[in-house]
Amino acid sequence: MTKTLFSRMRSLQWWVLIYMTFGVICDVPAQNASSHEWWKHAIIYEIYPRSFQDSNADGVGDLNGITQRMQYLQDLGVDAIWIAPMYPSPQVDFGYDISDYRNVDPQFGTIADFDRLVSEARKHRVAVIVDMVLNHTSDQHPWFVAAASARANPKHDWYVWSDGKRNANGDIVPPNNWQSVFGGSAWEWVPEVQQFYYHAYYKQQPDLNWRNPQVEKAMFDVMRFWLDRGVAGFRLDSISELFEDPRLRDAPRLEGLNALGNPQLDPGYTTNLPEIHETIRRMRAMVSAYPGDRVLIGEVYFPNIAELDKWYGGARHNEIQLPMDLPLGYLNELDANAFRKRLWEVYTQVHGSTPLLVFDNHDVNRSWDRYGDGVHNAAIAKLIAALLLTSRDTALLYQGQEIGQRTVEPRRIEDVKDPIGKIHWPVYKGRDGERTPMQWDSDDAQSGFSTSPHPWLPVPADYTTVNVRTELADPRSLLNWYKQLISLRRSNAAVRNGRVVMLDKTNANVLSYARVAKDGTAVLVALNMSAQPQSVSFHLSEANIRRSHLTNLMTSPEQDAGSSSVSPVRLAPFGVWIEAVE
């Protein structure tokens, strides 16, 4: 689930444009990471379990399927996997409506299957991170069933309720103008208690009342249940929305309409309220009490870099280790100046915290389509991979990103599985397009995902060429490009944890930077973000680099390995140039 959807996606882009800071030079100290802070340079791979690998021929991916593909994940070079919700759920929002936080939905397997997955992942040196939905439950969760039965029930105050108000006709109406992300009012009437409950998402997803300390205790206990089973941490869904304005005031109107045709509202009364940070600090302390440096990854939305810094805990670094820097990955336009400025902000204004950069996930069209121009998509995909994996960051990949899977939207409303796509067809076709099954091989129409002839979503027709097996056999494929970048990141000290210096800072077409290790070794990266050839020159004195002889590490289009001088560097359209300084 995400508010990069619909109005939040547009608001996020608006915030980025408004708050973009114009910096001139970025010279960032390397992290002084202790050995146990494994997440600081990690590569985290999101798995959407129903679409990764089906092990029992029912057309739906499952936990045993993930276990079967563990060697692939190790060979790719990922440090951790994030598994989207696999808990028991009515599946109104495909698992983000949880009815039991301490079990596994039968379609995905059993608790024993999960334990086996964690054990096998450990053998392959892959950590397991699970999605944790703390903002809301399913309306079929026993807590809400009890809460909706009577006002006197002890669980009633575990959710957000209102008596509503009277309109001019004397009718009882919702207390304010708040909207669900999926359209319509965010309030639902329950006759049994004569009250409305608040739901930021579907009406089947009532929001928990985090102002009630019993809710915090219960949810922290849930997190301990999974920590005790060996998970390396949590991706915290919609975490910035735990608290709402206690006065339930109307949200101010903004100009225009959102993507669903509803009024655009300021999210300040339902998102990122200041009191959330006390809760997150307690959560961090609880998680940090476990051995192994467990990690918190946050799906957060912020209007500027100062707000992002708060999610890290500022100078104290005592909140979320890895809040997602979504504005960078969702700029949706290859603009060297915009990327340079955004990177400069996150490198210099979050008290040295590690950025978590992400271009793809299960809620937005794939970066192949968002950034591609229809002609140079393959080259652009390699450029994005290079930016993601040579930056000073923790890198987040989404399954299929490494082979260039495309967004394939349904053509008919009858084919739509995502409920929001059915509701708003054809204005919005839902999120099926980025959730299609992983493409493993070309042996059959299911591409190795399942032996069922009817997978839950159809495998895209391009599986015959866009698949793991075919790309592994092609040295110039996107998959092998990712593997080479990951290998470089692991083996090269400058790329892994060197400081960053932005170069050629006024170039509107090419983003260039140096990664400089403590021993003075360096790697130069140049990314042509235009459809025209470019020539760039570097002044390495800005990075305190005195040497001027280069050795080719990786280029796109591919060039023969060899040596060259620093200037000038000639780049093909959307070309990538990565060189070691000798």
Protein backbone atom coordinates (compact mmCIF):
# COMPACT_ATOMS: atom_id res chain seq x y z
CA MET A 1 0.00 0.00 0.00
CA THR A 2 1.23 3.49 -0.67
CA LYS A 3 0.20 7.08 -1.01
CA THR A 4 2.36 7.48 -4.02
CA LEU A 5 -0.92 6.50 -5.62
CA PHE A 6 -3.39 9.01 -6.98
CA SER A 7 -3.36 12.36 -5.21
CA ARG A 8 -0.35 11.50 -3.05
CA MET A 9 1.71 10.71 -6.12
CA ARG A 10 0.89 14.12 -7.52
CA SER A 11 1.42 15.83 -4.17
CA LEU A 12 4.79 14.11 -3.83
CA GLN A 13 5.90 15.42 -7.20
CA TRP A 14 4.62 18.88 -6.27
CA TRP A 15 6.57 18.83 -3.01
CA VAL A 16 9.72 17.82 -4.84
CA LEU A 17 9.40 20.73 -7.24
CA ILE A 18 8.62 23.25 -4.52
CA TYR A 19 11.32 22.25 -2.08
CA MET A 20 14.14 21.32 -4.46
CA THR A 21 17.28 23.01 -3.20
CA PHE A 22 19.89 24.37 -5.57
CA GLY A 23 23.27 23.22 -4.25
CA VAL A 24 26.63 23.73 -5.86
CA ILE A 25 28.98 21.04 -4.60
CA CYS A 26 28.54 17.85 -2.68
CA ASP A 27 31.51 16.52 -0.71
CA VAL A 28 30.15 13.95 1.71
CA PRO A 29 32.14 12.13 4.38
CA ALA A 30 32.10 8.36 4.19
CA GLN A 31 30.04 6.51 6.76
CA ASN A 32 31.87 5.36 9.85
CA ALA A 33 29.81 2.20 9.81
CA SER A 34 30.59 -0.42 12.39
CA SER A 35 30.68 -3.96 11.09
CA HIS A 36 27.32 -4.89 12.57
CA GLU A 37 25.44 -2.14 10.72
CA TRP A 38 24.88 -4.46 7.79
CA TRP A 39 22.00 -2.44 6.38
CA LYS A 40 24.04 0.70 5.68
CA HIS A 41 25.25 -0.49 2.29
CA ALA A 42 22.81 -3.34 1.78
CA ILE A 43 20.89 -4.31 -1.32
CA ILE A 44 17.32 -5.11 -0.31
CA TYR A 45 15.06 -6.99 -2.74
CA GLU A 46 11.30 -6.66 -2.46
CA ILE A 47 9.32 -9.84 -3.07
CA TYR A 48 5.60 -9.68 -3.80
CA PRO A 49 4.92 -13.25 -2.66
CA ARG A 50 1.88 -14.06 -4.78
CA SER A 51 3.88 -13.20 -7.92
CA PHE A 52 7.37 -14.55 -7.21
CA GLN A 53 7.21 -18.36 -7.38
CA ASP A 54 4.34 -20.82 -7.07
CA SER A 55 5.43 -24.12 -5.50
CA ASN A 56 2.10 -25.97 -5.34
CA ALA A 57 0.53 -25.35 -8.77
CA ASP A 58 -2.38 -23.23 -7.53
CA GLY A 59 -1.37 -20.21 -9.61
CA VAL A 60 -0.37 -18.11 -6.59
CA GLY A 61 3.17 -17.61 -5.37
CA ASP A 62 4.01 -18.75 -1.85
CA LEU A 63 6.69 -18.94 0.83
CA ASN A 64 8.05 -22.30 -0.32
CA GLY A 65 8.45 -20.77 -3.76
CA ILE A 66 10.65 -18.05 -2.29
CA THR A 67 12.71 -20.71 -0.53
CA GLN A 68 13.15 -22.57 -3.82
CA ARG A 69 14.61 -19.43 -5.43
CA MET A 70 17.03 -18.62 -2.62
CA GLN A 71 20.08 -19.58 -4.69
CA TYR A 72 19.05 -17.07 -7.35
CA LEU A 73 18.83 -14.34 -4.72
CA GLN A 74 22.25 -15.20 -3.35
CA ASP A 75 23.76 -15.31 -6.84
CA LEU A 76 22.23 -11.94 -7.66
CA GLY A 77 24.00 -10.56 -4.60
CA VAL A 78 21.17 -9.25 -2.44
CA ASP A 79 21.71 -8.84 1.29
CA ALA A 80 18.07 -9.03 2.36
CA ILE A 81 14.60 -9.66 1.03
CA TRP A 82 11.51 -7.71 2.02
CA ILE A 83 8.42 -9.90 1.79
CA ALA A 84 5.13 -8.06 1.22
CA PRO A 85 2.32 -9.16 3.61
CA MET A 86 1.81 -12.91 3.86
CA TYR A 87 -0.50 -12.84 6.91
CA PRO A 88 -4.09 -14.16 7.00
CA SER A 89 -6.26 -11.64 5.23
CA PRO A 90 -9.58 -11.31 3.39
CA GLN A 91 -7.36 -9.96 0.57
CA VAL A 92 -9.46 -6.86 -0.05
CA ASP A 93 -6.17 -5.02 -0.49
CA PHE A 94 -4.08 -8.11 -1.27
CA GLY A 95 -2.75 -8.64 2.22
CA TYR A 96 -2.57 -5.10 3.54
CA ASP A 97 -5.84 -5.79 5.36
CA ILE A 98 -4.63 -8.16 8.06
CA SER A 99 -6.98 -10.32 10.13
CA ASP A 100 -4.28 -12.18 12.11
CA TYR A 101 -0.80 -10.74 12.69
CA ARG A 102 0.69 -13.94 14.13
CA ASN A 103 0.15 -16.41 11.34
CA VAL A 104 0.57 -17.06 7.60
CA ASP A 105 -2.28 -16.99 5.13
CA PRO A 106 -2.90 -20.60 3.94
CA GLN A 107 -2.49 -19.56 0.30
CA PHE A 108 1.13 -18.65 1.12
CA GLY A 109 1.90 -21.58 3.41
CA THR A 110 2.30 -22.10 7.13
CA ILE A 111 4.35 -20.78 10.02
CA ALA A 112 6.59 -23.83 9.58
CA ASP A 113 7.14 -22.81 5.95
CA PHE A 114 8.10 -19.34 7.10
CA ASP A 115 10.56 -20.68 9.67
CA ARG A 116 12.10 -22.89 6.99
CA LEU A 117 12.40 -19.90 4.66
CA VAL A 118 14.26 -17.88 7.32
CA SER A 119 16.56 -20.83 7.99
CA GLU A 120 17.36 -21.36 4.32
CA ALA A 121 17.84 -17.64 3.75
CA ARG A 122 20.39 -17.58 6.55
CA LYS A 123 22.32 -20.39 4.86
CA HIS A 124 22.43 -18.29 1.70
CA ARG A 125 23.49 -15.16 3.64
CA VAL A 126 20.18 -13.42 2.94
CA ALA A 127 18.29 -11.64 5.72
CA VAL A 128 14.48 -11.67 5.83
CA ILE A 129 12.49 -8.48 6.40
CA VAL A 130 8.70 -8.64 6.65
CA ASP A 131 6.06 -6.04 5.92
CA MET A 132 4.33 -4.75 9.05
CA VAL A 133 1.03 -2.87 8.73
CA LEU A 134 0.59 -0.86 11.92
CA ASN A 135 -1.78 1.86 10.75
CA HIS A 136 -4.89 -0.29 10.30
CA THR A 137 -6.27 -3.81 10.46
CA SER A 138 -8.86 -5.72 8.48
CA ASP A 139 -12.45 -5.15 9.53
CA GLN A 140 -12.48 -8.92 10.07
CA HIS A 141 -9.72 -8.79 12.67
CA PRO A 142 -11.11 -9.93 16.04
CA TRP A 143 -10.11 -6.58 17.52
CA PHE A 144 -12.36 -4.65 15.16
CA VAL A 145 -15.20 -7.17 15.31
CA ALA A 146 -15.25 -6.59 19.06
CA ALA A 147 -14.78 -2.82 18.70
CA ALA A 148 -17.75 -2.50 16.35
CA SER A 149 -20.06 -4.58 18.52
CA ALA A 150 -20.66 -2.05 21.29
CA ARG A 151 -19.30 1.25 22.56
CA ALA A 152 -18.74 -0.36 25.94
CA ASN A 153 -16.53 -3.08 24.50
CA PRO A 154 -12.92 -2.80 25.77
CA LYS A 155 -11.61 -2.85 22.17
CA HIS A 156 -13.85 -0.01 20.99
CA ASP A 157 -11.27 2.67 21.73
CA TRP A 158 -8.63 0.73 19.79
CA TYR A 159 -9.96 2.41 16.63
CA VAL A 160 -10.76 5.98 15.58
CA TRP A 161 -14.45 6.78 16.06
CA SER A 162 -16.68 9.85 15.75
CA ASP A 163 -20.34 10.56 16.41
CA GLY A 164 -20.36 12.67 13.26
CA LYS A 165 -22.31 15.91 12.95
CA ARG A 166 -25.71 17.13 11.76
CA ASN A 167 -26.05 18.76 8.38
CA ALA A 168 -28.58 21.45 7.44
CA ASN A 169 -31.26 18.78 6.98
CA GLY A 170 -30.59 17.29 10.38
CA ASP A 171 -28.97 14.15 8.99
CA ILE A 172 -25.93 12.63 10.66
CA VAL A 173 -22.90 12.99 8.37
CA PRO A 174 -19.15 12.34 8.74
CA PRO A 175 -17.32 14.72 11.06
CA ASN A 176 -15.09 16.22 8.36
CA ASN A 177 -14.05 16.18 4.71
CA TRP A 178 -11.25 13.62 4.99
CA GLN A 179 -11.01 11.30 2.00
CA SER A 180 -9.94 7.72 1.55
CA VAL A 181 -6.87 7.27 -0.64
CA PHE A 182 -9.03 4.99 -2.76
CA GLY A 183 -11.80 7.56 -3.19
CA GLY A 184 -14.82 8.77 -1.27
CA SER A 185 -15.22 9.65 2.38
CA ALA A 186 -12.75 8.24 4.88
CA TRP A 187 -15.60 7.60 7.35
CA GLU A 188 -17.93 4.60 7.56
CA TRP A 189 -21.11 4.40 9.63
CA VAL A 190 -21.69 1.46 12.00
CA PRO A 191 -25.35 1.23 13.10
CA GLU A 192 -24.54 -1.02 16.10
CA VAL A 193 -22.59 1.75 17.80
CA GLN A 194 -24.15 4.76 16.05
CA GLN A 195 -20.72 6.08 15.10
CA PHE A 196 -18.39 6.50 12.15
CA TYR A 197 -14.96 4.89 12.07
CA TYR A 198 -12.02 6.35 10.16
CA HIS A 199 -10.30 4.45 7.32
CA ALA A 200 -7.48 6.05 5.35
CA TYR A 201 -7.81 3.30 2.74
CA TYR A 202 -10.67 0.90 1.98
CA LYS A 203 -13.60 0.82 4.39
CA GLN A 204 -12.51 -2.74 5.20
CA GLN A 205 -9.29 -1.27 6.67
CA PRO A 206 -10.22 0.63 9.84
CA ASP A 207 -7.45 2.78 11.31
CA LEU A 208 -6.08 1.91 14.73
CA ASN A 209 -6.11 4.52 17.49
CA TRP A 210 -2.44 4.91 18.40
CA ARG A 211 -3.36 7.44 21.08
CA ASN A 212 -4.50 4.43 23.09
CA PRO A 213 -1.39 2.94 24.77
CA GLN A 214 -2.96 -0.53 24.61
CA VAL A 215 -2.71 -0.40 20.82
CA GLU A 216 0.99 0.35 20.96
CA LYS A 217 1.56 -2.48 23.42
CA ALA A 218 -0.39 -4.96 21.29
CA MET A 219 1.39 -4.03 18.07
CA PHE A 220 4.83 -4.04 19.67
CA ASP A 221 4.03 -7.53 20.94
CA VAL A 222 3.19 -8.55 17.37
CA MET A 223 6.55 -7.24 16.19
CA ARG A 224 8.31 -9.18 18.97
CA PHE A 225 6.56 -12.34 17.76
CA TRP A 226 8.30 -12.04 14.38
CA LEU A 227 11.58 -10.80 15.81
CA ASP A 228 11.65 -13.92 17.95
CA ARG A 229 11.28 -15.96 14.74
CA GLY A 230 14.44 -14.43 13.37
CA VAL A 231 13.33 -11.65 11.03
CA ALA A 232 15.97 -9.01 10.39
CA GLY A 233 13.49 -6.17 10.64
CA PHE A 234 10.34 -4.62 9.24
CA ARG A 235 9.20 -2.52 6.34
CA LEU A 236 6.64 -0.27 8.02
CA ASP A 237 3.66 0.31 5.76
CA SER A 238 1.99 3.75 5.82
CA ILE A 239 3.90 4.48 9.00
CA SER A 240 3.59 8.25 8.68
CA GLU A 241 -0.19 7.97 9.16
CA LEU A 242 -0.41 6.45 12.64
CA PHE A 243 -1.87 9.61 14.15
CA GLU A 244 -4.69 11.90 13.05
CA ASP A 245 -5.69 15.35 14.20
CA PRO A 246 -7.49 14.76 17.56
CA ARG A 247 -9.90 17.63 16.79
CA LEU A 248 -10.85 16.02 13.47
CA ARG A 249 -10.70 19.36 11.67
CA ASP A 250 -11.52 19.68 7.97
CA ALA A 251 -8.47 19.38 5.74
CA PRO A 252 -7.69 22.60 3.84
CA ARG A 253 -8.47 22.49 0.14
CA LEU A 254 -5.65 22.72 -2.36
CA GLU A 255 -5.98 23.71 -5.98
CA GLY A 256 -7.31 21.23 -8.48
CA LEU A 257 -8.49 17.65 -8.31
CA ASN A 258 -6.60 14.46 -7.67
CA ALA A 259 -6.24 11.61 -10.14
CA LEU A 260 -9.62 10.21 -9.10
CA GLY A 261 -11.43 13.49 -9.64
CA ASN A 262 -11.78 14.27 -5.93
CA PRO A 263 -10.80 17.61 -4.36
CA GLN A 264 -7.11 17.87 -3.58
CA LEU A 265 -6.68 18.16 0.20
CA ASP A 266 -3.75 19.16 2.39
CA PRO A 267 -2.63 15.95 4.20
CA GLY A 268 -1.41 17.78 7.30
CA TYR A 269 -4.18 16.52 9.59
CA THR A 270 -3.74 12.85 8.70
CA THR A 271 -0.05 12.41 7.83
CA ASN A 272 3.25 13.07 9.56
CA LEU A 273 1.86 14.51 12.79
CA PRO A 274 4.66 15.45 15.21
CA GLU A 275 3.60 13.06 18.00
CA ILE A 276 4.45 10.07 15.84
CA HIS A 277 8.14 10.49 16.54
CA GLU A 278 7.83 9.59 20.22
CA THR A 279 6.19 6.32 19.20
CA ILE A 280 8.89 5.58 16.63
CA ARG A 281 11.64 6.21 19.17
CA ARG A 282 10.07 3.67 21.50
CA MET A 283 9.74 1.24 18.59
CA ARG A 284 13.38 1.68 17.65
CA ALA A 285 14.44 1.06 21.25
CA MET A 286 12.35 -2.11 21.38
CA VAL A 287 13.74 -3.45 18.11
CA SER A 288 17.31 -2.48 19.01
CA ALA A 289 17.12 -4.62 22.14
CA TYR A 290 17.36 -7.65 19.86
CA PRO A 291 20.78 -8.88 18.68
CA GLY A 292 21.87 -8.59 15.07
CA ASP A 293 21.08 -4.92 14.48
CA ARG A 294 17.48 -5.38 13.29
CA VAL A 295 16.36 -2.68 10.88
CA LEU A 296 13.27 -0.50 10.41
CA ILE A 297 12.40 0.61 6.88
CA GLY A 298 9.75 3.30 6.65
CA GLU A 299 7.22 4.10 3.95
CA VAL A 300 7.11 7.80 4.75
CA TYR A 301 5.96 10.92 2.95
CA PHE A 302 7.56 14.25 3.70
CA PRO A 303 7.35 17.77 2.23
CA ASN A 304 11.05 18.55 2.53
CA ILE A 305 14.40 17.13 3.55
CA ALA A 306 14.12 18.53 7.09
CA GLU A 307 11.09 16.33 7.69
CA LEU A 308 12.94 13.31 6.31
CA ASP A 309 15.77 14.00 8.77
CA LYS A 310 13.27 13.81 11.65
CA TRP A 311 12.38 10.27 10.61
CA TYR A 312 16.01 9.27 11.06
CA GLY A 313 15.98 10.90 14.48
CA GLY A 314 18.16 13.80 13.38
CA ALA A 315 21.56 13.93 15.03
CA ARG A 316 20.55 11.25 17.53
CA HIS A 317 19.85 8.64 14.82
CA ASN A 318 17.27 7.02 17.12
CA GLU A 319 14.23 6.52 14.89
CA ILE A 320 13.96 4.65 11.57
CA GLN A 321 17.30 3.59 10.12
CA LEU A 322 16.01 3.62 6.53
CA PRO A 323 13.06 5.87 5.69
CA MET A 324 12.46 5.59 1.95
CA ASP A 325 13.58 8.59 -0.08
CA LEU A 326 10.68 8.25 -2.48
CA PRO A 327 10.88 11.73 -4.08
CA LEU A 328 14.21 10.89 -5.71
CA GLY A 329 13.15 7.62 -7.28
CA TYR A 330 9.80 9.00 -8.38
CA LEU A 331 10.99 12.16 -10.12
CA ASN A 332 9.85 10.27 -13.26
CA GLU A 333 12.05 12.37 -15.52
CA LEU A 334 15.73 12.01 -16.30
CA ASP A 335 16.89 15.45 -15.25
CA ALA A 336 20.54 15.66 -14.24
CA ASN A 337 20.04 18.89 -12.30
CA ALA A 338 17.08 17.51 -10.36
CA PHE A 339 18.90 14.30 -9.44
CA ARG A 340 22.06 16.21 -8.49
CA LYS A 341 20.14 18.56 -6.19
CA ARG A 342 18.07 15.80 -4.61
CA LEU A 343 21.13 13.65 -3.95
CA TRP A 344 22.96 16.67 -2.55
CA GLU A 345 20.13 17.26 -0.11
CA VAL A 346 19.96 13.72 1.20
CA TYR A 347 23.75 13.39 1.42
CA THR A 348 24.27 16.61 3.35
CA GLN A 349 21.12 17.39 5.34
CA VAL A 350 20.25 14.21 7.26
CA HIS A 351 23.12 14.22 9.77
CA GLY A 352 25.11 11.62 7.87
CA SER A 353 22.34 9.03 7.83
CA THR A 354 22.24 6.50 5.01
CA PRO A 355 19.74 7.24 2.22
CA LEU A 356 17.43 4.45 1.09
CA LEU A 357 16.93 4.92 -2.63
CA VAL A 358 14.12 3.19 -4.49
CA PHE A 359 12.83 3.39 -8.05
CA ASP A 360 10.39 0.47 -8.14
CA ASN A 361 7.87 -1.23 -5.89
CA HIS A 362 4.57 -3.07 -6.06
CA ASP A 363 2.43 0.10 -6.07
CA VAL A 364 3.77 2.15 -8.98
CA ASN A 365 4.38 1.55 -12.66
CA ARG A 366 7.81 0.07 -13.22
CA SER A 367 10.72 2.45 -13.77
CA TRP A 368 11.23 0.86 -17.22
CA ASP A 369 8.00 2.58 -18.27
CA ARG A 370 8.08 5.68 -16.08
CA TYR A 371 11.54 6.73 -17.25
CA GLY A 372 11.69 5.08 -20.66
CA ASP A 373 11.19 7.14 -23.82
CA GLY A 374 10.01 4.23 -25.97
CA VAL A 375 13.29 4.13 -27.90
CA HIS A 376 16.13 3.96 -25.36
CA ASN A 377 14.37 2.07 -22.56
CA ALA A 378 17.06 -0.60 -22.23
CA ALA A 379 19.84 1.99 -21.99
CA ILE A 380 17.82 4.04 -19.51
CA ALA A 381 17.23 0.95 -17.35
CA LYS A 382 21.00 0.40 -17.16
CA LEU A 383 21.51 4.06 -16.27
CA ILE A 384 19.00 3.85 -13.41
CA ALA A 385 20.68 0.68 -12.17
CA ALA A 386 24.06 2.44 -12.20
CA LEU A 387 22.68 5.43 -10.30
CA LEU A 388 21.05 3.19 -7.71
CA LEU A 389 24.06 0.95 -7.15
CA THR A 390 26.96 3.40 -7.33
CA SER A 391 25.40 6.02 -5.05
CA ARG A 392 26.15 6.19 -1.33
CA ASP A 393 22.96 4.49 -0.24
CA THR A 394 21.08 1.42 0.74
CA ALA A 395 19.54 0.22 -2.52
CA LEU A 396 16.06 -1.23 -2.84
CA LEU A 397 15.15 -3.42 -5.83
CA TYR A 398 11.75 -4.82 -6.73
CA GLN A 399 11.45 -8.31 -8.21
CA GLY A 400 11.77 -8.26 -11.99
CA GLN A 401 13.44 -4.84 -12.04
CA GLU A 402 16.75 -6.56 -12.68
CA ILE A 403 15.49 -8.20 -15.89
CA GLY A 404 13.54 -5.22 -17.17
CA GLN A 405 10.00 -6.39 -16.56
CA ARG A 406 7.45 -3.98 -17.94
CA THR A 407 4.18 -2.61 -16.61
CA VAL A 408 1.42 -4.58 -18.33
CA GLU A 409 -1.99 -3.11 -17.46
CA PRO A 410 -5.18 -5.10 -18.02
CA ARG A 411 -7.01 -4.34 -21.24
CA ARG A 412 -10.52 -5.09 -19.99
CA ILE A 413 -12.21 -4.35 -16.71
CA GLU A 414 -13.12 -8.05 -16.55
CA ASP A 415 -9.42 -8.85 -16.21
CA VAL A 416 -8.70 -6.45 -13.33
CA LYS A 417 -7.85 -8.02 -9.97
CA ASP A 418 -6.95 -4.91 -7.97
CA PRO A 419 -10.22 -3.59 -6.46
CA ILE A 420 -9.29 0.04 -6.93
CA GLY A 421 -8.80 -0.63 -10.63
CA LYS A 422 -12.33 -1.98 -10.87
CA ILE A 423 -13.77 0.99 -9.00
CA HIS A 424 -12.06 3.67 -11.09
CA TRP A 425 -11.75 2.00 -14.50
CA PRO A 426 -10.67 3.32 -16.97
CA VAL A 427 -9.34 6.48 -15.28
CA TYR A 428 -7.17 4.29 -13.11
CA LYS A 429 -6.59 0.63 -13.97
CA GLY A 430 -5.18 -0.45 -10.64
CA ARG A 431 -1.81 -1.93 -9.71
CA ASP A 432 -1.98 -5.27 -11.53
CA GLY A 433 0.43 -3.97 -14.17
CA GLU A 434 3.42 -3.88 -11.82
CA ARG A 435 2.46 -7.09 -10.00
CA THR A 436 2.57 -9.62 -12.84
CA PRO A 437 4.43 -12.89 -12.15
CA MET A 438 8.21 -13.07 -12.12
CA GLN A 439 9.53 -14.22 -15.50
CA TRP A 440 12.00 -17.06 -14.95
CA ASP A 441 12.33 -18.84 -18.31
CA SER A 442 10.71 -19.35 -21.71
CA ASP A 443 9.77 -23.02 -21.41
CA ASP A 444 6.01 -22.43 -21.25
CA ALA A 445 3.40 -19.68 -21.05
CA GLN A 446 3.80 -19.45 -17.27
CA SER A 447 7.52 -18.62 -17.64
CA GLY A 448 8.55 -20.94 -14.82
CA PHE A 449 6.40 -19.09 -12.29
CA SER A 450 3.80 -21.83 -11.95
CA THR A 451 2.72 -25.14 -13.44
CA SER A 452 -0.88 -24.00 -13.22
CA PRO A 453 -2.30 -22.96 -16.60
CA HIS A 454 -4.15 -20.16 -14.81
CA PRO A 455 -1.81 -18.00 -12.71
CA TRP A 456 -3.52 -15.33 -10.61
CA LEU A 457 -2.32 -12.71 -13.11
CA PRO A 458 -1.31 -13.57 -16.68
CA VAL A 459 2.38 -13.73 -17.49
CA PRO A 460 3.27 -10.90 -19.93
CA ALA A 461 3.77 -11.96 -23.54
CA ASP A 462 7.39 -10.78 -23.60
CA TYR A 463 8.44 -13.61 -21.26
CA THR A 464 10.05 -15.38 -24.24
CA THR A 465 12.89 -12.83 -24.25
CA VAL A 466 12.55 -11.03 -20.92
CA ASN A 467 13.33 -13.76 -18.41
CA VAL A 468 16.05 -14.80 -16.01
CA ARG A 469 17.40 -17.79 -17.93
CA THR A 470 17.72 -15.96 -21.25
CA GLU A 471 19.38 -12.94 -19.68
CA LEU A 472 21.82 -15.01 -17.64
CA ALA A 473 23.10 -16.42 -20.95
CA ASP A 474 23.55 -12.96 -22.48
CA PRO A 475 26.65 -11.12 -21.18
CA ARG A 476 25.16 -7.77 -22.22
CA SER A 477 21.74 -8.28 -20.65
CA LEU A 478 20.23 -6.02 -18.00
CA LEU A 479 20.39 -8.87 -15.48
CA ASN A 480 24.12 -9.33 -15.96
CA TRP A 481 24.57 -5.55 -15.80
CA TYR A 482 22.88 -5.61 -12.36
CA LYS A 483 25.06 -8.51 -11.24
CA GLN A 484 28.22 -6.72 -12.33
CA LEU A 485 27.18 -3.53 -10.54
CA ILE A 486 26.39 -5.44 -7.36
CA SER A 487 29.72 -7.24 -7.56
CA LEU A 488 31.52 -3.91 -8.04
CA ARG A 489 29.68 -2.45 -5.09
CA ARG A 490 30.74 -5.36 -2.89
CA SER A 491 34.37 -5.49 -3.97
CA ASN A 492 35.33 -1.86 -4.48
CA ALA A 493 35.88 0.13 -1.28
CA ALA A 494 35.23 3.47 -2.96
CA VAL A 495 31.86 2.39 -4.38
CA ARG A 496 30.88 0.59 -1.22
CA ASN A 497 31.46 3.32 1.35
CA GLY A 498 33.55 6.13 -0.10
CA ARG A 499 32.67 9.78 0.23
CA VAL A 500 30.81 11.46 -2.63
CA VAL A 501 31.92 14.48 -4.60
CA MET A 502 29.67 15.93 -7.28
CA LEU A 503 31.58 16.85 -10.45
CA ASP A 504 30.78 19.04 -13.45
CA LYS A 505 28.11 20.61 -11.30
CA THR A 506 26.48 22.87 -13.90
CA ASN A 507 26.00 20.20 -16.57
CA ALA A 508 22.28 19.98 -17.30
CA ASN A 509 22.59 16.70 -19.21
CA VAL A 510 25.16 14.59 -17.38
CA LEU A 511 25.19 13.63 -13.71
CA SER A 512 28.79 12.97 -12.65
CA TYR A 513 30.33 12.18 -9.30
CA ALA A 514 33.34 10.58 -7.69
CA ARG A 515 33.34 7.97 -4.94
CA VAL A 516 36.54 8.34 -2.94
CA ALA A 517 37.72 5.73 -0.42
CA LYS A 518 39.71 6.51 2.72
CA ASP A 519 42.89 5.23 1.10
CA GLY A 520 42.50 7.73 -1.73
CA THR A 521 41.38 5.28 -4.38
CA ALA A 522 38.45 6.57 -6.39
CA VAL A 523 35.80 5.65 -8.91
CA LEU A 524 34.27 8.15 -11.34
CA VAL A 525 30.68 7.80 -12.53
CA ALA A 526 29.12 9.73 -15.41
CA LEU A 527 25.48 9.26 -16.44
CA ASN A 528 24.18 10.87 -19.61
CA MET A 529 20.54 11.69 -18.94
CA SER A 530 19.86 12.93 -22.45
CA ALA A 531 19.07 11.38 -25.82
CA GLN A 532 22.06 13.10 -27.43
CA PRO A 533 25.77 12.21 -27.21
CA GLN A 534 27.57 14.28 -24.61
CA SER A 535 31.17 15.18 -23.87
CA VAL A 536 32.19 15.98 -20.30
CA SER A 537 35.37 17.08 -18.59
CA PHE A 538 36.32 16.71 -14.94
CA HIS A 539 38.40 18.77 -12.52
CA LEU A 540 39.44 16.07 -10.10
CA SER A 541 41.09 18.56 -7.77
CA GLU A 542 37.58 19.20 -6.42
CA ALA A 543 37.70 15.67 -5.04
CA ASN A 544 41.33 15.97 -3.92
CA ILE A 545 42.24 13.41 -6.59
CA ARG A 546 45.67 14.08 -8.05
CA ARG A 547 45.89 11.12 -10.38
CA SER A 548 44.51 11.37 -13.89
CA HIS A 549 44.80 7.92 -15.42
CA LEU A 550 41.65 5.82 -15.68
CA THR A 551 40.83 2.15 -16.01
CA ASN A 552 37.47 1.16 -17.40
CA LEU A 553 35.26 -0.74 -14.98
CA MET A 554 31.82 -0.67 -16.65
CA THR A 555 30.31 1.21 -19.55
CA SER A 556 27.02 1.23 -21.39
CA PRO A 557 27.11 0.81 -24.32
CA GLU A 558 29.85 -1.69 -23.63
CA GLN A 559 33.40 -0.69 -24.45
CA ASP A 560 36.59 -2.67 -24.35
CA ALA A 561 38.31 -2.58 -20.99
CA GLY A 562 41.42 -0.48 -20.98
CA SER A 563 43.00 2.77 -19.89
CA SER A 564 42.21 6.34 -20.84
CA SER A 565 42.76 9.91 -19.74
CA VAL A 566 40.28 11.87 -17.68
CA SER A 567 39.10 14.41 -20.24
CA PRO A 568 37.13 14.63 -22.27
CA VAL A 569 34.73 11.73 -21.68
CA ARG A 570 32.34 11.00 -24.52
CA LEU A 571 29.00 9.42 -23.66
CA ALA A 572 26.43 7.84 -25.94
CA PRO A 573 22.76 8.76 -25.49
CA PHE A 574 21.81 7.62 -21.99
CA GLY A 575 25.31 6.24 -21.68
CA VAL A 576 26.98 5.09 -18.46
CA TRP A 577 30.69 5.46 -17.76
CA ILE A 578 32.32 4.02 -14.62
CA GLU A 579 36.09 4.25 -14.30
CA ALA A 580 38.69 3.62 -11.62
CA VAL A 581 41.23 6.39 -11.04
CA GLU A 582 44.83 5.19 -11.04
